[in-house]
């Protein structure tokens, strides 16, 4: 996937902490939509969650590329504490509980 990420030599240094936070948020969303897709018994809804997972994955890739272009690649994904708690709640109480917390 091409994002057109280029770093201009004279451009101001971006806020890499904000970039990393956006990468984490998008990665967490992808992770959680993946869990919803796996848990959802209704095929149509599971497909919607899978498409949302794919979209969030694309967003995370863009942030990852931006970070790498500025010499700060994010490394492997690890769900945040919030992501892990939400995943637990989704697995424990079902997709309805998790959807209400995400949307």
N, C-alpha and C. Protein backbone atom coordinates (compact mmCIF):
# COMPACT_ATOMS: atom_id res chain seq x y z
N UNK A 1 0.85 -1.18 0.00
CA UNK A 1 0.00 0.00 0.00
C UNK A 1 0.89 1.24 0.00
N UNK A 2 0.61 2.16 -0.85
CA UNK A 2 1.38 3.39 -0.94
C UNK A 2 0.62 4.49 -0.24
N UNK A 3 1.33 5.22 0.62
CA UNK A 3 0.68 6.31 1.34
C UNK A 3 1.21 7.66 0.93
N UNK A 4 2.30 7.68 0.18
CA UNK A 4 2.89 8.95 -0.20
C UNK A 4 3.62 9.61 0.95
N UNK A 5 4.08 8.83 1.91
CA UNK A 5 4.79 9.38 3.06
C UNK A 5 6.19 9.80 2.63
N UNK A 6 6.46 11.08 2.72
CA UNK A 6 7.79 11.60 2.41
C UNK A 6 8.17 12.59 3.49
N UNK A 7 9.46 12.61 3.79
CA UNK A 7 9.97 13.55 4.78
C UNK A 7 10.78 14.61 4.05
N UNK A 8 10.35 15.86 4.14
CA UNK A 8 11.10 16.95 3.52
C UNK A 8 12.27 17.31 4.41
N UNK A 9 13.46 17.50 3.82
CA UNK A 9 14.65 17.78 4.62
C UNK A 9 14.51 18.99 5.54
N UNK A 10 13.84 20.04 5.11
CA UNK A 10 13.75 21.25 5.92
C UNK A 10 12.49 21.36 6.76
N UNK A 11 11.67 20.33 6.77
CA UNK A 11 10.40 20.43 7.49
C UNK A 11 10.61 20.30 9.00
N UNK A 12 9.68 20.89 9.74
CA UNK A 12 9.75 20.84 11.21
C UNK A 12 9.55 19.41 11.69
N UNK A 13 10.18 19.09 12.80
CA UNK A 13 10.05 17.73 13.37
C UNK A 13 8.63 17.56 13.92
N UNK A 14 7.95 16.51 13.49
CA UNK A 14 6.57 16.30 13.96
C UNK A 14 6.54 15.79 15.40
N UNK A 15 5.37 15.80 15.96
CA UNK A 15 5.16 15.29 17.32
C UNK A 15 5.07 13.77 17.25
N UNK A 16 6.21 13.10 17.39
CA UNK A 16 6.25 11.65 17.26
C UNK A 16 5.48 10.94 18.36
N UNK A 17 5.38 11.55 19.52
CA UNK A 17 4.57 10.95 20.60
C UNK A 17 3.10 10.89 20.18
N UNK A 18 2.63 11.95 19.53
CA UNK A 18 1.25 11.95 19.03
C UNK A 18 1.08 10.92 17.93
N UNK A 19 2.07 10.81 17.03
CA UNK A 19 2.01 9.80 15.97
C UNK A 19 1.93 8.40 16.59
N UNK A 20 2.74 8.15 17.61
CA UNK A 20 2.77 6.84 18.26
C UNK A 20 1.42 6.56 18.94
N UNK A 21 0.85 7.58 19.55
CA UNK A 21 -0.46 7.42 20.20
C UNK A 21 -1.54 7.08 19.17
N UNK A 22 -1.51 7.76 18.03
CA UNK A 22 -2.47 7.46 16.97
C UNK A 22 -2.28 6.03 16.45
N UNK A 23 -1.01 5.63 16.28
CA UNK A 23 -0.72 4.26 15.84
C UNK A 23 -1.29 3.25 16.84
N UNK A 24 -1.09 3.51 18.13
CA UNK A 24 -1.59 2.59 19.16
C UNK A 24 -3.12 2.54 19.14
N UNK A 25 -3.76 3.69 19.02
CA UNK A 25 -5.23 3.74 18.99
C UNK A 25 -5.79 2.96 17.79
N UNK A 26 -5.21 3.18 16.62
CA UNK A 26 -5.68 2.48 15.42
C UNK A 26 -5.41 0.98 15.52
N UNK A 27 -4.25 0.61 16.07
CA UNK A 27 -3.91 -0.80 16.24
C UNK A 27 -4.85 -1.47 17.24
N UNK A 28 -5.14 -0.77 18.34
CA UNK A 28 -6.10 -1.31 19.32
C UNK A 28 -7.47 -1.51 18.68
N UNK A 29 -7.91 -0.53 17.88
CA UNK A 29 -9.22 -0.64 17.23
C UNK A 29 -9.24 -1.85 16.29
N UNK A 30 -8.18 -2.04 15.53
CA UNK A 30 -8.09 -3.20 14.64
C UNK A 30 -8.17 -4.50 15.44
N UNK A 31 -7.44 -4.56 16.52
CA UNK A 31 -7.43 -5.73 17.41
C UNK A 31 -8.83 -6.02 17.94
N UNK A 32 -9.51 -4.99 18.40
CA UNK A 32 -10.84 -5.17 19.00
C UNK A 32 -11.89 -5.53 17.95
N UNK A 33 -11.83 -4.91 16.78
CA UNK A 33 -12.77 -5.30 15.72
C UNK A 33 -12.51 -6.73 15.27
N UNK A 34 -11.26 -7.16 15.30
CA UNK A 34 -10.95 -8.55 14.99
C UNK A 34 -11.58 -9.50 15.98
N UNK A 35 -11.55 -9.12 17.25
CA UNK A 35 -12.19 -9.94 18.28
C UNK A 35 -13.70 -9.97 18.07
N UNK A 36 -14.28 -8.82 17.76
CA UNK A 36 -15.72 -8.78 17.48
C UNK A 36 -16.08 -9.68 16.30
N UNK A 37 -15.27 -9.63 15.25
CA UNK A 37 -15.54 -10.46 14.07
C UNK A 37 -15.49 -11.94 14.42
N UNK A 38 -14.55 -12.31 15.27
CA UNK A 38 -14.41 -13.72 15.66
C UNK A 38 -15.54 -14.18 16.58
N UNK A 39 -16.03 -13.28 17.43
CA UNK A 39 -17.06 -13.64 18.40
C UNK A 39 -18.48 -13.58 17.85
N UNK A 40 -18.69 -12.77 16.84
CA UNK A 40 -20.04 -12.52 16.34
C UNK A 40 -20.61 -13.74 15.62
N UNK A 41 -21.74 -14.28 16.12
CA UNK A 41 -22.32 -15.46 15.47
C UNK A 41 -23.04 -15.14 14.15
N UNK A 42 -23.53 -13.93 14.00
CA UNK A 42 -24.25 -13.55 12.78
C UNK A 42 -23.25 -13.17 11.69
N UNK A 43 -23.27 -13.89 10.58
CA UNK A 43 -22.26 -13.73 9.52
C UNK A 43 -22.19 -12.31 8.97
N UNK A 44 -23.33 -11.67 8.76
CA UNK A 44 -23.33 -10.32 8.19
C UNK A 44 -22.64 -9.33 9.12
N UNK A 45 -22.98 -9.39 10.40
CA UNK A 45 -22.33 -8.50 11.38
C UNK A 45 -20.85 -8.83 11.51
N UNK A 46 -20.51 -10.11 11.50
CA UNK A 46 -19.10 -10.51 11.59
C UNK A 46 -18.32 -9.93 10.41
N UNK A 47 -18.95 -9.92 9.23
CA UNK A 47 -18.31 -9.34 8.05
C UNK A 47 -18.08 -7.85 8.19
N UNK A 48 -19.05 -7.16 8.78
CA UNK A 48 -18.89 -5.72 9.01
C UNK A 48 -17.72 -5.48 9.96
N UNK A 49 -17.65 -6.25 11.03
CA UNK A 49 -16.54 -6.09 11.99
C UNK A 49 -15.20 -6.41 11.33
N UNK A 50 -15.17 -7.40 10.46
CA UNK A 50 -13.92 -7.74 9.76
C UNK A 50 -13.50 -6.61 8.83
N UNK A 51 -14.46 -5.98 8.15
CA UNK A 51 -14.12 -4.84 7.29
C UNK A 51 -13.61 -3.66 8.12
N UNK A 52 -14.24 -3.41 9.26
CA UNK A 52 -13.76 -2.34 10.14
C UNK A 52 -12.35 -2.64 10.64
N UNK A 53 -12.08 -3.91 10.97
CA UNK A 53 -10.73 -4.32 11.38
C UNK A 53 -9.73 -3.98 10.27
N UNK A 54 -10.07 -4.32 9.04
CA UNK A 54 -9.17 -4.08 7.92
C UNK A 54 -8.91 -2.59 7.71
N UNK A 55 -9.94 -1.78 7.85
CA UNK A 55 -9.80 -0.33 7.71
C UNK A 55 -8.88 0.22 8.79
N UNK A 56 -9.10 -0.21 10.04
CA UNK A 56 -8.25 0.26 11.14
C UNK A 56 -6.81 -0.21 10.97
N UNK A 57 -6.64 -1.41 10.41
CA UNK A 57 -5.29 -1.91 10.13
C UNK A 57 -4.59 -1.00 9.13
N UNK A 58 -5.31 -0.59 8.08
CA UNK A 58 -4.73 0.33 7.09
C UNK A 58 -4.33 1.65 7.75
N UNK A 59 -5.15 2.15 8.64
CA UNK A 59 -4.81 3.38 9.35
C UNK A 59 -3.54 3.19 10.18
N UNK A 60 -3.45 2.07 10.88
CA UNK A 60 -2.27 1.79 11.70
C UNK A 60 -1.02 1.70 10.83
N UNK A 61 -1.14 1.12 9.65
CA UNK A 61 0.00 1.02 8.74
C UNK A 61 0.48 2.41 8.33
N UNK A 62 -0.44 3.30 8.06
CA UNK A 62 -0.06 4.67 7.68
C UNK A 62 0.71 5.34 8.81
N UNK A 63 0.22 5.22 10.05
CA UNK A 63 0.93 5.82 11.19
C UNK A 63 2.29 5.16 11.38
N UNK A 64 2.35 3.85 11.19
CA UNK A 64 3.62 3.13 11.31
C UNK A 64 4.62 3.64 10.27
N UNK A 65 4.16 3.84 9.04
CA UNK A 65 5.03 4.35 7.99
C UNK A 65 5.50 5.77 8.29
N UNK A 66 4.61 6.59 8.82
CA UNK A 66 5.01 7.95 9.20
C UNK A 66 6.07 7.92 10.29
N UNK A 67 5.87 7.07 11.28
CA UNK A 67 6.86 6.94 12.35
C UNK A 67 8.20 6.46 11.79
N UNK A 68 8.16 5.46 10.94
CA UNK A 68 9.39 4.92 10.35
C UNK A 68 10.09 5.97 9.49
N UNK A 69 9.31 6.76 8.76
CA UNK A 69 9.89 7.80 7.91
C UNK A 69 10.63 8.85 8.73
N UNK A 70 10.27 8.97 9.99
CA UNK A 70 10.93 9.93 10.89
C UNK A 70 11.90 9.25 11.84
N UNK A 71 12.27 8.01 11.51
CA UNK A 71 13.28 7.31 12.29
C UNK A 71 12.81 6.74 13.61
N UNK A 72 11.51 6.54 13.77
CA UNK A 72 10.98 6.03 15.04
C UNK A 72 9.92 4.96 14.79
N UNK A 73 10.30 3.83 14.15
CA UNK A 73 9.30 2.80 13.88
C UNK A 73 8.68 2.29 15.18
N UNK A 74 7.38 1.95 15.16
CA UNK A 74 6.70 1.61 16.41
C UNK A 74 7.05 0.26 17.01
N UNK A 75 7.60 -0.65 16.24
CA UNK A 75 7.88 -1.98 16.77
C UNK A 75 6.63 -2.84 16.74
N UNK A 76 6.70 -4.03 17.33
CA UNK A 76 5.54 -4.93 17.28
C UNK A 76 4.37 -4.39 18.10
N UNK A 77 3.17 -4.71 17.62
CA UNK A 77 1.96 -4.27 18.32
C UNK A 77 1.75 -5.09 19.59
N UNK A 78 1.39 -4.39 20.63
CA UNK A 78 0.94 -5.00 21.89
C UNK A 78 -0.29 -4.21 22.31
N UNK A 79 -1.43 -4.87 22.53
CA UNK A 79 -2.62 -4.12 22.93
C UNK A 79 -2.36 -3.30 24.19
N UNK A 80 -2.93 -2.11 24.22
CA UNK A 80 -2.83 -1.26 25.41
C UNK A 80 -3.61 -1.90 26.55
N UNK A 81 -3.43 -1.37 27.74
CA UNK A 81 -4.20 -1.86 28.90
C UNK A 81 -5.70 -1.72 28.63
N UNK A 82 -6.10 -0.60 28.07
CA UNK A 82 -7.51 -0.39 27.74
C UNK A 82 -7.97 -1.43 26.73
N UNK A 83 -7.16 -1.68 25.71
CA UNK A 83 -7.50 -2.67 24.70
C UNK A 83 -7.66 -4.06 25.29
N UNK A 84 -6.77 -4.41 26.22
CA UNK A 84 -6.84 -5.73 26.85
C UNK A 84 -8.09 -5.86 27.72
N UNK A 85 -8.43 -4.79 28.44
CA UNK A 85 -9.64 -4.82 29.27
C UNK A 85 -10.89 -4.93 28.39
N UNK A 86 -10.94 -4.14 27.32
CA UNK A 86 -12.10 -4.21 26.42
C UNK A 86 -12.20 -5.58 25.76
N UNK A 87 -11.08 -6.17 25.40
CA UNK A 87 -11.09 -7.51 24.81
C UNK A 87 -11.66 -8.52 25.81
N UNK A 88 -11.23 -8.41 27.05
CA UNK A 88 -11.75 -9.30 28.09
C UNK A 88 -13.26 -9.14 28.23
N UNK A 89 -13.73 -7.89 28.27
CA UNK A 89 -15.16 -7.64 28.41
C UNK A 89 -15.94 -8.20 27.22
N UNK A 90 -15.40 -8.04 26.03
CA UNK A 90 -16.06 -8.58 24.85
C UNK A 90 -16.16 -10.09 24.89
N UNK A 91 -15.07 -10.73 25.30
CA UNK A 91 -15.07 -12.19 25.38
C UNK A 91 -16.01 -12.68 26.49
N UNK A 92 -16.06 -11.95 27.56
CA UNK A 92 -16.86 -12.35 28.72
C UNK A 92 -18.35 -12.08 28.52
N UNK A 93 -18.68 -10.89 27.99
CA UNK A 93 -20.08 -10.47 27.91
C UNK A 93 -20.64 -10.42 26.50
N UNK A 94 -19.83 -10.70 25.50
CA UNK A 94 -20.31 -10.76 24.12
C UNK A 94 -20.11 -9.48 23.33
N UNK A 95 -20.45 -9.59 22.06
CA UNK A 95 -20.20 -8.48 21.14
C UNK A 95 -21.01 -7.24 21.48
N UNK A 96 -22.23 -7.42 21.98
CA UNK A 96 -23.07 -6.27 22.31
C UNK A 96 -22.42 -5.35 23.33
N UNK A 97 -21.80 -5.95 24.34
CA UNK A 97 -21.14 -5.15 25.38
C UNK A 97 -19.95 -4.39 24.80
N UNK A 98 -19.18 -5.05 23.96
CA UNK A 98 -17.99 -4.41 23.41
C UNK A 98 -18.35 -3.33 22.40
N UNK A 99 -19.34 -3.60 21.56
CA UNK A 99 -19.76 -2.59 20.58
C UNK A 99 -20.22 -1.33 21.28
N UNK A 100 -20.97 -1.47 22.36
CA UNK A 100 -21.47 -0.29 23.07
C UNK A 100 -20.33 0.52 23.67
N UNK A 101 -19.21 -0.11 23.97
CA UNK A 101 -18.06 0.60 24.52
C UNK A 101 -17.20 1.24 23.42
N UNK A 102 -17.22 0.67 22.23
CA UNK A 102 -16.40 1.19 21.13
C UNK A 102 -17.07 2.30 20.35
N UNK A 103 -18.39 2.23 20.22
CA UNK A 103 -19.09 3.21 19.38
C UNK A 103 -19.76 4.28 20.17
